[in-house]
C-alpha atoms as a PDB file:
ATOM      1  CA  UNK A   1     -18.141  88.616 -64.888  1.00  0.00           C
ATOM      2  CA  UNK A   2     -19.080  86.816 -61.719  1.00  0.00           C
ATOM      3  CA  UNK A   3     -16.440  86.231 -59.004  1.00  0.00           C
ATOM      4  CA  UNK A   4     -14.586  83.049 -59.627  1.00  0.00           C
ATOM      5  CA  UNK A   5     -13.647  81.353 -56.374  1.00  0.00           C
ATOM      6  CA  UNK A   6     -11.801  78.229 -57.641  1.00  0.00           C
ATOM      7  CA  UNK A   7      -9.693  77.669 -60.665  1.00  0.00           C
ATOM      8  CA  UNK A   8     -11.851  74.597 -61.462  1.00  0.00           C
ATOM      9  CA  UNK A   9     -14.629  77.011 -62.377  1.00  0.00           C
ATOM     10  CA  UNK A  10     -12.651  78.492 -65.245  1.00  0.00           C
ATOM     11  CA  UNK A  11     -14.067  77.184 -68.498  1.00  0.00           C
ATOM     12  CA  UNK A  12     -10.631  77.093 -70.195  1.00  0.00           C
ATOM     13  CA  UNK A  13      -9.269  74.942 -67.367  1.00  0.00           C
ATOM     14  CA  UNK A  14     -12.246  72.556 -67.699  1.00  0.00           C
ATOM     15  CA  UNK A  15     -11.668  72.269 -71.409  1.00  0.00           C
ATOM     16  CA  UNK A  16      -7.879  71.725 -70.911  1.00  0.00           C
ATOM     17  CA  UNK A  17      -8.640  69.031 -68.313  1.00  0.00           C
ATOM     18  CA  UNK A  18     -10.831  67.142 -70.763  1.00  0.00           C
ATOM     19  CA  UNK A  19      -8.148  67.440 -73.502  1.00  0.00           C
ATOM     20  CA  UNK A  20      -5.503  66.197 -71.104  1.00  0.00           C
ATOM     21  CA  UNK A  21      -7.633  63.163 -70.195  1.00  0.00           C
ATOM     22  CA  UNK A  22      -8.012  62.327 -73.928  1.00  0.00           C
ATOM     23  CA  UNK A  23      -4.289  62.801 -74.535  1.00  0.00           C
ATOM     24  CA  UNK A  24      -3.422  60.475 -71.634  1.00  0.00           C
ATOM     25  CA  UNK A  25      -5.808  57.796 -72.869  1.00  0.00           C
ATOM     26  CA  UNK A  26      -4.505  58.104 -76.392  1.00  0.00           C
ATOM     27  CA  UNK A  27      -0.803  57.962 -75.463  1.00  0.00           C
ATOM     28  CA  UNK A  28      -1.275  54.823 -73.419  1.00  0.00           C
ATOM     29  CA  UNK A  29      -2.092  52.875 -76.608  1.00  0.00           C
ATOM     30  CA  UNK A  30       0.505  51.161 -78.740  1.00  0.00           C
ATOM     31  CA  UNK A  31       2.327  52.111 -80.950  1.00  0.00           C
ATOM     32  CA  UNK A  32       2.070  55.647 -79.448  1.00  0.00           C
ATOM     33  CA  UNK A  33       3.046  54.456 -75.938  1.00  0.00           C
ATOM     34  CA  UNK A  34       6.481  53.288 -77.246  1.00  0.00           C
ATOM     35  CA  UNK A  35       7.569  56.818 -78.261  1.00  0.00           C
ATOM     36  CA  UNK A  36       8.446  57.870 -74.746  1.00  0.00           C
ATOM     37  CA  UNK A  37       9.792  61.317 -75.778  1.00  0.00           C
ATOM     38  CA  UNK A  38       6.645  62.312 -77.766  1.00  0.00           C
ATOM     39  CA  UNK A  39       4.383  60.821 -75.054  1.00  0.00           C
ATOM     40  CA  UNK A  40       6.162  62.928 -72.377  1.00  0.00           C
ATOM     41  CA  UNK A  41       6.117  66.112 -74.456  1.00  0.00           C
ATOM     42  CA  UNK A  42       2.431  65.787 -75.383  1.00  0.00           C
ATOM     43  CA  UNK A  43       1.368  64.905 -71.898  1.00  0.00           C
ATOM     44  CA  UNK A  44       3.498  67.696 -70.414  1.00  0.00           C
ATOM     45  CA  UNK A  45       2.164  70.283 -72.777  1.00  0.00           C
ATOM     46  CA  UNK A  46      -1.454  69.376 -72.201  1.00  0.00           C
ATOM     47  CA  UNK A  47      -0.972  69.284 -68.403  1.00  0.00           C
ATOM     48  CA  UNK A  48       0.836  72.619 -68.634  1.00  0.00           C
ATOM     49  CA  UNK A  49      -2.295  74.269 -69.954  1.00  0.00           C
ATOM     50  CA  UNK A  50      -4.198  73.250 -66.814  1.00  0.00           C
ATOM     51  CA  UNK A  51      -1.292  73.967 -64.461  1.00  0.00           C
ATOM     52  CA  UNK A  52      -0.669  77.443 -65.762  1.00  0.00           C
ATOM     53  CA  UNK A  53      -4.280  78.411 -65.419  1.00  0.00           C
ATOM     54  CA  UNK A  54      -4.319  77.086 -61.846  1.00  0.00           C
ATOM     55  CA  UNK A  55      -0.986  78.759 -60.984  1.00  0.00           C
ATOM     56  CA  UNK A  56      -2.145  82.064 -62.463  1.00  0.00           C
ATOM     57  CA  UNK A  57      -5.324  81.852 -60.428  1.00  0.00           C
ATOM     58  CA  UNK A  58      -3.344  81.937 -57.219  1.00  0.00           C
ATOM     59  CA  UNK A  59      -1.246  84.990 -58.224  1.00  0.00           C
ATOM     60  CA  UNK A  60      -1.757  88.145 -56.304  1.00  0.00           C
ATOM     61  CA  UNK A  61      -1.608  90.648 -59.267  1.00  0.00           C
ATOM     62  CA  UNK A  62      -3.590  90.865 -62.501  1.00  0.00           C
ATOM     63  CA  UNK A  63      -0.293  91.170 -64.368  1.00  0.00           C
ATOM     64  CA  UNK A  64       0.904  87.815 -63.015  1.00  0.00           C
ATOM     65  CA  UNK A  65      -2.434  86.240 -63.635  1.00  0.00           C
ATOM     66  CA  UNK A  66      -2.509  87.440 -67.192  1.00  0.00           C
ATOM     67  CA  UNK A  67       1.047  86.232 -67.770  1.00  0.00           C
ATOM     68  CA  UNK A  68       0.175  82.699 -66.658  1.00  0.00           C
ATOM     69  CA  UNK A  69      -2.873  82.679 -68.877  1.00  0.00           C
ATOM     70  CA  UNK A  70      -0.576  83.574 -71.760  1.00  0.00           C
ATOM     71  CA  UNK A  71       1.594  80.606 -70.875  1.00  0.00           C
ATOM     72  CA  UNK A  72      -1.490  78.391 -70.852  1.00  0.00           C
ATOM     73  CA  UNK A  73      -2.416  79.647 -74.339  1.00  0.00           C
ATOM     74  CA  UNK A  74       1.023  78.938 -75.648  1.00  0.00           C
ATOM     75  CA  UNK A  75       0.980  75.461 -74.178  1.00  0.00           C
ATOM     76  CA  UNK A  76      -2.233  74.737 -76.076  1.00  0.00           C
ATOM     77  CA  UNK A  77      -0.453  75.748 -79.237  1.00  0.00           C
ATOM     78  CA  UNK A  78       2.439  73.408 -78.293  1.00  0.00           C
ATOM     79  CA  UNK A  79      -0.132  70.565 -78.034  1.00  0.00           C
ATOM     80  CA  UNK A  80      -1.384  71.404 -81.522  1.00  0.00           C
ATOM     81  CA  UNK A  81       2.095  71.307 -82.972  1.00  0.00           C
ATOM     82  CA  UNK A  82       2.916  67.968 -81.251  1.00  0.00           C
ATOM     83  CA  UNK A  83      -0.299  66.540 -82.676  1.00  0.00           C
ATOM     84  CA  UNK A  84       1.235  67.076 -86.115  1.00  0.00           C
ATOM     85  CA  UNK A  85       4.226  64.972 -85.037  1.00  0.00           C
ATOM     86  CA  UNK A  86       1.898  62.232 -83.871  1.00  0.00           C
ATOM     87  CA  UNK A  87      -0.068  62.418 -87.163  1.00  0.00           C
ATOM     88  CA  UNK A  88       3.055  62.345 -89.325  1.00  0.00           C
ATOM     89  CA  UNK A  89       4.488  59.423 -87.345  1.00  0.00           C
ATOM     90  CA  UNK A  90       1.220  57.513 -87.941  1.00  0.00           C
ATOM     91  CA  UNK A  91       0.248  57.278 -84.279  1.00  0.00           C
ATOM     92  CA  UNK A  92      -3.073  59.009 -84.920  1.00  0.00           C
ATOM     93  CA  UNK A  93      -5.390  59.260 -87.892  1.00  0.00           C
ATOM     94  CA  UNK A  94      -6.728  62.487 -89.416  1.00  0.00           C
ATOM     95  CA  UNK A  95     -10.005  62.242 -87.573  1.00  0.00           C
ATOM     96  CA  UNK A  96      -8.384  61.954 -84.139  1.00  0.00           C
ATOM     97  CA  UNK A  97      -5.923  64.724 -85.066  1.00  0.00           C
ATOM     98  CA  UNK A  98      -8.789  67.051 -86.084  1.00  0.00           C
ATOM     99  CA  UNK A  99     -10.830  66.398 -82.925  1.00  0.00           C
ATOM    100  CA  UNK A 100      -7.858  66.981 -80.541  1.00  0.00           C
ATOM    101  CA  UNK A 101      -6.587  69.934 -82.538  1.00  0.00           C
ATOM    102  CA  UNK A 102     -10.006  71.605 -82.376  1.00  0.00           C
ATOM    103  CA  UNK A 103     -10.322  70.926 -78.686  1.00  0.00           C
ATOM    104  CA  UNK A 104      -6.904  72.505 -78.078  1.00  0.00           C
ATOM    105  CA  UNK A 105      -8.093  75.467 -80.197  1.00  0.00           C
ATOM    106  CA  UNK A 106     -11.241  75.686 -78.061  1.00  0.00           C
ATOM    107  CA  UNK A 107      -9.245  75.692 -74.828  1.00  0.00           C
ATOM    108  CA  UNK A 108      -6.964  78.375 -76.346  1.00  0.00           C
ATOM    109  CA  UNK A 109      -9.951  80.513 -77.300  1.00  0.00           C
ATOM    110  CA  UNK A 110     -11.565  80.182 -73.802  1.00  0.00           C
ATOM    111  CA  UNK A 111      -8.327  81.089 -72.153  1.00  0.00           C
ATOM    112  CA  UNK A 112      -7.812  83.990 -74.473  1.00  0.00           C
ATOM    113  CA  UNK A 113     -11.300  85.352 -73.762  1.00  0.00           C
ATOM    114  CA  UNK A 114     -10.776  84.991 -70.051  1.00  0.00           C
ATOM    115  CA  UNK A 115      -7.390  86.809 -70.333  1.00  0.00           C
ATOM    116  CA  UNK A 116      -8.940  89.670 -72.399  1.00  0.00           C
ATOM    117  CA  UNK A 117     -11.654  90.034 -69.789  1.00  0.00           C
ATOM    118  CA  UNK A 118      -9.111  90.060 -66.979  1.00  0.00           C
ATOM    119  CA  UNK A 119      -6.941  92.571 -68.828  1.00  0.00           C
ATOM    120  CA  UNK A 120      -9.874  94.872 -69.537  1.00  0.00           C
ATOM    121  CA  UNK A 121     -10.613  95.483 -65.834  1.00  0.00           C
ATOM    122  CA  UNK A 122      -8.407  98.335 -64.663  1.00  0.00           C
ATOM    123  CA  UNK A 123      -8.662  97.768 -60.957  1.00  0.00           C
ATOM    124  CA  UNK A 124      -9.005  94.640 -58.871  1.00  0.00           C
ATOM    125  CA  UNK A 125      -9.835  91.334 -60.389  1.00  0.00           C
ATOM    126  CA  UNK A 126     -12.692  88.895 -60.639  1.00  0.00           C
ATOM    127  CA  UNK A 127     -10.801  86.023 -59.082  1.00  0.00           C
ATOM    128  CA  UNK A 128     -10.908  85.144 -55.401  1.00  0.00           C
ATOM    129  CA  UNK A 129      -8.427  87.082 -53.345  1.00  0.00           C
ATOM    130  CA  UNK A 130      -5.089  85.392 -52.785  1.00  0.00           C
ATOM    131  CA  UNK A 131      -5.256  83.073 -49.864  1.00  0.00           C
ATOM    132  CA  UNK A 132      -8.997  82.697 -50.052  1.00  0.00           C
ATOM    133  CA  UNK A 133      -9.055  79.847 -52.544  1.00  0.00           C
ATOM    134  CA  UNK A 134     -10.511  76.682 -51.117  1.00  0.00           C
ATOM    135  CA  UNK A 135      -8.007  73.883 -50.856  1.00  0.00           C
ATOM    136  CA  UNK A 136     -10.441  71.043 -51.376  1.00  0.00           C
ATOM    137  CA  UNK A 137     -10.688  69.796 -54.945  1.00  0.00           C
ATOM    138  CA  UNK A 138     -13.680  67.799 -56.162  1.00  0.00           C
END
C-alpha cells in the first residue's frame, strides 16, 4: 500500500464525504427539515464517519488509528439505521433509502478494508508520520 500523506486520500473518507453531502442536501428539504432531532442525528452520524477517519489519521499509533477507523465504521452503520427511521417516517422513498444505504455500506467496506490492511502490518504504518500531515485542505 502506498504511503498516504493526507486523510483526504483515503477512499473511505472520500466516500463518506460524498454521502455526507447527500445527507445534508436531503435533510434541507421539507418535510425532513422540520424533524430537527432526526436531521441532527443523521447529519452528525454521517459527519462522524469523516471526522473519525481524519482523527485516526493523525494518531501516533496503529492501535489508535485502527480504533478510530472502527468508530468510523460504526458511524456508517448508525447512518444506515437512521435511514430506516427516515423511510418509516415517510421522509424518503425506497429508492432514496436504497441508494444512501448502499453508499453507507460502500463507505463501511472501504473503511473496513483500510483497517484490515493497517492491522495486518506488524511494524510502522502506511500513513504519514504524526506532525507531517499538510495543514492545507483543497
